[in-house]
Amino acid sequence: MKYLLSLLLICNFLFANAQQSKNYKKKPYWIDMIKDPNVNYFEAIKAYETFWKGKHKPLDENELIGQTKGEESKEAKMESRKEMKEKRKEKELYKKYGLECKKFEHWKTQVQPYVQPNGQIISKDEQLKMWEAEKK
C-alpha cells in the first residue's frame, strides 16, 4: 500500500513539473518575456536561442520583410519540393517573427549592462540612479 501511495505521489510530481515546463522550441515565449520588467535575462536568452535552434535567424533587413535579392537562378528553380517547402516555411517564419527578432536583439543590447549575476535586470529607477551617478 505504501509502495502504491509513493508511486502515485511521484507520478503526480512528475506530471506537475511537466505541466510547468515551457516548450521554448515550439512557442516564441521570448516575445512576451522582453516585455516583462522582472524577467530573468538568461532565461529569455535561453528561450530565444532554443526557439531559433536549427533555424536561420532573420536579421538581414530583406529577410525581415520577406524579400529576396535578385532573380532566382536555374539551380534554385530546380529545387526539390522538400527544399521549396522548407524555404517557404522559413519565409513565413521570417514574416511572422522577423520584427520581433530585431526587437529582441535591441532589448538584449539595451539591458545587458544592467544584468546582475543571477540574471535579474535592475529596475529602471536603479538604472537612472546609476546614470546620474556616472554623470557626476
C-alpha atoms as a PDB file:
ATOM      1  CA  MET A   1       0.000   0.000   0.000  1.00  0.00           C
ATOM      2  CA  LYS A   2       2.829   2.378   0.892  1.00  0.00           C
ATOM      3  CA  TYR A   3       4.509   1.485  -2.385  1.00  0.00           C
ATOM      4  CA  LEU A   4       1.392   2.389  -4.366  1.00  0.00           C
ATOM      5  CA  LEU A   5       0.967   5.680  -2.492  1.00  0.00           C
ATOM      6  CA  SER A   6       4.584   6.703  -3.050  1.00  0.00           C
ATOM      7  CA  LEU A   7       4.310   5.751  -6.733  1.00  0.00           C
ATOM      8  CA  LEU A   8       1.216   7.941  -7.092  1.00  0.00           C
ATOM      9  CA  LEU A   9       2.972  10.864  -5.396  1.00  0.00           C
ATOM     10  CA  ILE A  10       5.983  10.547  -7.693  1.00  0.00           C
ATOM     11  CA  CYS A  11       3.778  10.408 -10.802  1.00  0.00           C
ATOM     12  CA  ASN A  12       1.831  13.430  -9.583  1.00  0.00           C
ATOM     13  CA  PHE A  13       5.074  15.357  -9.009  1.00  0.00           C
ATOM     14  CA  LEU A  14       6.435  14.476 -12.459  1.00  0.00           C
ATOM     15  CA  PHE A  15       3.158  15.402 -14.143  1.00  0.00           C
ATOM     16  CA  ALA A  16       3.062  18.765 -12.320  1.00  0.00           C
ATOM     17  CA  ASN A  17       6.632  19.553 -13.400  1.00  0.00           C
ATOM     18  CA  ALA A  18       5.889  18.596 -16.994  1.00  0.00           C
ATOM     19  CA  GLN A  19       2.902  20.943 -16.965  1.00  0.00           C
ATOM     20  CA  GLN A  20       5.017  23.853 -15.696  1.00  0.00           C
ATOM     21  CA  SER A  21       7.917  23.495 -18.120  1.00  0.00           C
ATOM     22  CA  LYS A  22       7.643  25.589 -21.255  1.00  0.00           C
ATOM     23  CA  ASN A  23       8.443  24.321 -24.712  1.00  0.00           C
ATOM     24  CA  TYR A  24      10.707  27.111 -25.954  1.00  0.00           C
ATOM     25  CA  LYS A  25      11.312  25.268 -29.237  1.00  0.00           C
ATOM     26  CA  LYS A  26       7.697  25.434 -30.419  1.00  0.00           C
ATOM     27  CA  LYS A  27       6.375  28.693 -28.989  1.00  0.00           C
ATOM     28  CA  PRO A  28       8.187  32.090 -29.001  1.00  0.00           C
ATOM     29  CA  TYR A  29       7.919  32.859 -25.273  1.00  0.00           C
ATOM     30  CA  TRP A  30      10.820  35.301 -25.679  1.00  0.00           C
ATOM     31  CA  ILE A  31       8.487  37.849 -27.331  1.00  0.00           C
ATOM     32  CA  ASP A  32       6.482  38.291 -24.131  1.00  0.00           C
ATOM     33  CA  MET A  33       9.493  37.817 -21.870  1.00  0.00           C
ATOM     34  CA  ILE A  34      11.191  41.011 -23.057  1.00  0.00           C
ATOM     35  CA  LYS A  35       8.065  42.977 -22.131  1.00  0.00           C
ATOM     36  CA  ASP A  36       8.244  41.763 -18.522  1.00  0.00           C
ATOM     37  CA  PRO A  37      10.447  44.020 -16.344  1.00  0.00           C
ATOM     38  CA  ASN A  38      11.009  41.129 -13.903  1.00  0.00           C
ATOM     39  CA  VAL A  39      12.196  38.620 -16.494  1.00  0.00           C
ATOM     40  CA  ASN A  40      15.374  36.675 -15.932  1.00  0.00           C
ATOM     41  CA  TYR A  41      17.800  37.736 -18.665  1.00  0.00           C
ATOM     42  CA  PHE A  42      19.392  34.312 -19.015  1.00  0.00           C
ATOM     43  CA  GLU A  43      16.001  32.592 -19.249  1.00  0.00           C
ATOM     44  CA  ALA A  44      14.917  34.983 -22.024  1.00  0.00           C
ATOM     45  CA  ILE A  45      18.162  34.307 -23.926  1.00  0.00           C
ATOM     46  CA  LYS A  46      17.618  30.566 -23.471  1.00  0.00           C
ATOM     47  CA  ALA A  47      14.040  30.838 -24.799  1.00  0.00           C
ATOM     48  CA  TYR A  48      15.201  32.831 -27.844  1.00  0.00           C
ATOM     49  CA  GLU A  49      18.127  30.561 -28.673  1.00  0.00           C
ATOM     50  CA  THR A  50      16.048  27.404 -28.190  1.00  0.00           C
ATOM     51  CA  PHE A  51      13.290  28.700 -30.464  1.00  0.00           C
ATOM     52  CA  TRP A  52      15.760  29.532 -33.261  1.00  0.00           C
ATOM     53  CA  LYS A  53      17.971  26.443 -32.806  1.00  0.00           C
ATOM     54  CA  GLY A  54      18.355  24.746 -36.178  1.00  0.00           C
ATOM     55  CA  LYS A  55      16.784  27.706 -37.983  1.00  0.00           C
ATOM     56  CA  HIS A  56      18.396  30.716 -39.620  1.00  0.00           C
ATOM     57  CA  LYS A  57      17.577  33.905 -37.673  1.00  0.00           C
ATOM     58  CA  PRO A  58      16.207  36.682 -39.930  1.00  0.00           C
ATOM     59  CA  LEU A  59      18.477  39.570 -39.015  1.00  0.00           C
ATOM     60  CA  ASP A  60      19.017  40.902 -42.549  1.00  0.00           C
ATOM     61  CA  GLU A  61      16.581  43.713 -43.462  1.00  0.00           C
ATOM     62  CA  ASN A  62      15.381  41.880 -46.594  1.00  0.00           C
ATOM     63  CA  GLU A  63      14.714  38.736 -44.607  1.00  0.00           C
ATOM     64  CA  LEU A  64      12.744  40.723 -42.053  1.00  0.00           C
ATOM     65  CA  ILE A  65      10.268  41.924 -44.653  1.00  0.00           C
ATOM     66  CA  GLY A  66      10.252  38.710 -46.680  1.00  0.00           C
ATOM     67  CA  GLN A  67      12.032  39.922 -49.793  1.00  0.00           C
ATOM     68  CA  THR A  68      14.798  38.196 -51.708  1.00  0.00           C
ATOM     69  CA  LYS A  69      17.600  39.819 -53.650  1.00  0.00           C
ATOM     70  CA  GLY A  70      17.873  39.401 -57.420  1.00  0.00           C
ATOM     71  CA  GLU A  71      16.409  36.813 -59.722  1.00  0.00           C
ATOM     72  CA  GLU A  72      16.335  33.133 -58.912  1.00  0.00           C
ATOM     73  CA  SER A  73      18.991  31.069 -60.629  1.00  0.00           C
ATOM     74  CA  LYS A  74      18.205  27.996 -62.725  1.00  0.00           C
ATOM     75  CA  GLU A  75      19.532  25.831 -59.905  1.00  0.00           C
ATOM     76  CA  ALA A  76      17.127  27.450 -57.468  1.00  0.00           C
ATOM     77  CA  LYS A  77      14.225  26.762 -59.830  1.00  0.00           C
ATOM     78  CA  MET A  78      15.137  23.100 -59.943  1.00  0.00           C
ATOM     79  CA  GLU A  79      14.977  22.615 -56.182  1.00  0.00           C
ATOM     80  CA  SER A  80      13.163  19.636 -54.806  1.00  0.00           C
ATOM     81  CA  ARG A  81       9.689  20.043 -53.358  1.00  0.00           C
ATOM     82  CA  LYS A  82      11.040  19.386 -49.888  1.00  0.00           C
ATOM     83  CA  GLU A  83      13.573  22.216 -50.179  1.00  0.00           C
ATOM     84  CA  MET A  84      10.920  24.537 -51.567  1.00  0.00           C
ATOM     85  CA  LYS A  85       8.590  23.672 -48.695  1.00  0.00           C
ATOM     86  CA  GLU A  86      11.362  24.330 -46.160  1.00  0.00           C
ATOM     87  CA  LYS A  87      12.189  27.695 -47.744  1.00  0.00           C
ATOM     88  CA  ARG A  88       8.519  28.653 -47.794  1.00  0.00           C
ATOM     89  CA  LYS A  89       8.216  27.692 -44.142  1.00  0.00           C
ATOM     90  CA  GLU A  90      11.325  29.744 -43.338  1.00  0.00           C
ATOM     91  CA  LYS A  91       9.937  32.802 -45.179  1.00  0.00           C
ATOM     92  CA  GLU A  92       6.684  32.534 -43.249  1.00  0.00           C
ATOM     93  CA  LEU A  93       8.688  32.372 -40.034  1.00  0.00           C
ATOM     94  CA  TYR A  94      10.629  35.489 -41.070  1.00  0.00           C
ATOM     95  CA  LYS A  95       7.447  37.405 -41.853  1.00  0.00           C
ATOM     96  CA  LYS A  96       5.862  36.353 -38.592  1.00  0.00           C
ATOM     97  CA  TYR A  97       8.825  36.859 -36.235  1.00  0.00           C
ATOM     98  CA  GLY A  98      11.331  38.985 -38.148  1.00  0.00           C
ATOM     99  CA  LEU A  99      10.455  42.270 -36.488  1.00  0.00           C
ATOM    100  CA  GLU A 100      10.276  40.537 -33.112  1.00  0.00           C
ATOM    101  CA  CYS A 101      13.840  39.256 -33.628  1.00  0.00           C
ATOM    102  CA  LYS A 102      15.022  42.772 -34.251  1.00  0.00           C
ATOM    103  CA  LYS A 103      13.241  43.967 -31.094  1.00  0.00           C
ATOM    104  CA  PHE A 104      14.797  41.136 -29.100  1.00  0.00           C
ATOM    105  CA  GLU A 105      18.318  41.898 -30.299  1.00  0.00           C
ATOM    106  CA  HIS A 106      17.782  45.582 -29.426  1.00  0.00           C
ATOM    107  CA  TRP A 107      16.409  44.649 -25.977  1.00  0.00           C
ATOM    108  CA  LYS A 108      19.394  42.366 -25.367  1.00  0.00           C
ATOM    109  CA  THR A 109      21.839  45.176 -26.173  1.00  0.00           C
ATOM    110  CA  GLN A 110      19.976  47.711 -24.039  1.00  0.00           C
ATOM    111  CA  VAL A 111      19.657  45.626 -20.858  1.00  0.00           C
ATOM    112  CA  GLN A 112      22.971  43.765 -20.970  1.00  0.00           C
ATOM    113  CA  PRO A 113      24.872  46.375 -18.894  1.00  0.00           C
ATOM    114  CA  TYR A 114      22.222  46.121 -16.165  1.00  0.00           C
ATOM    115  CA  VAL A 115      22.110  42.333 -15.784  1.00  0.00           C
ATOM    116  CA  GLN A 116      23.042  41.037 -12.349  1.00  0.00           C
ATOM    117  CA  PRO A 117      24.939  37.742 -11.927  1.00  0.00           C
ATOM    118  CA  ASN A 118      21.692  35.903 -11.100  1.00  0.00           C
ATOM    119  CA  GLY A 119      20.076  37.103 -14.348  1.00  0.00           C
ATOM    120  CA  GLN A 120      17.816  39.720 -12.842  1.00  0.00           C
ATOM    121  CA  ILE A 121      17.771  43.100 -14.587  1.00  0.00           C
ATOM    122  CA  ILE A 122      17.954  46.111 -12.320  1.00  0.00           C
ATOM    123  CA  SER A 123      14.892  48.351 -12.355  1.00  0.00           C
ATOM    124  CA  LYS A 124      14.534  51.490 -14.472  1.00  0.00           C
ATOM    125  CA  ASP A 125      14.816  53.613 -11.325  1.00  0.00           C
ATOM    126  CA  GLU A 126      18.101  51.956 -10.374  1.00  0.00           C
ATOM    127  CA  GLN A 127      19.347  52.352 -13.948  1.00  0.00           C
ATOM    128  CA  LEU A 128      18.536  56.064 -13.787  1.00  0.00           C
ATOM    129  CA  LYS A 129      20.371  56.396 -10.460  1.00  0.00           C
ATOM    130  CA  MET A 130      23.420  54.666 -11.962  1.00  0.00           C
ATOM    131  CA  TRP A 131      23.322  57.006 -14.960  1.00  0.00           C
ATOM    132  CA  GLU A 132      23.054  60.084 -12.727  1.00  0.00           C
ATOM    133  CA  ALA A 133      25.949  58.864 -10.565  1.00  0.00           C
ATOM    134  CA  GLU A 134      28.136  58.338 -13.653  1.00  0.00           C
ATOM    135  CA  LYS A 135      27.140  61.754 -14.954  1.00  0.00           C
ATOM    136  CA  LYS A 136      28.556  63.496 -11.865  1.00  0.00           C
END
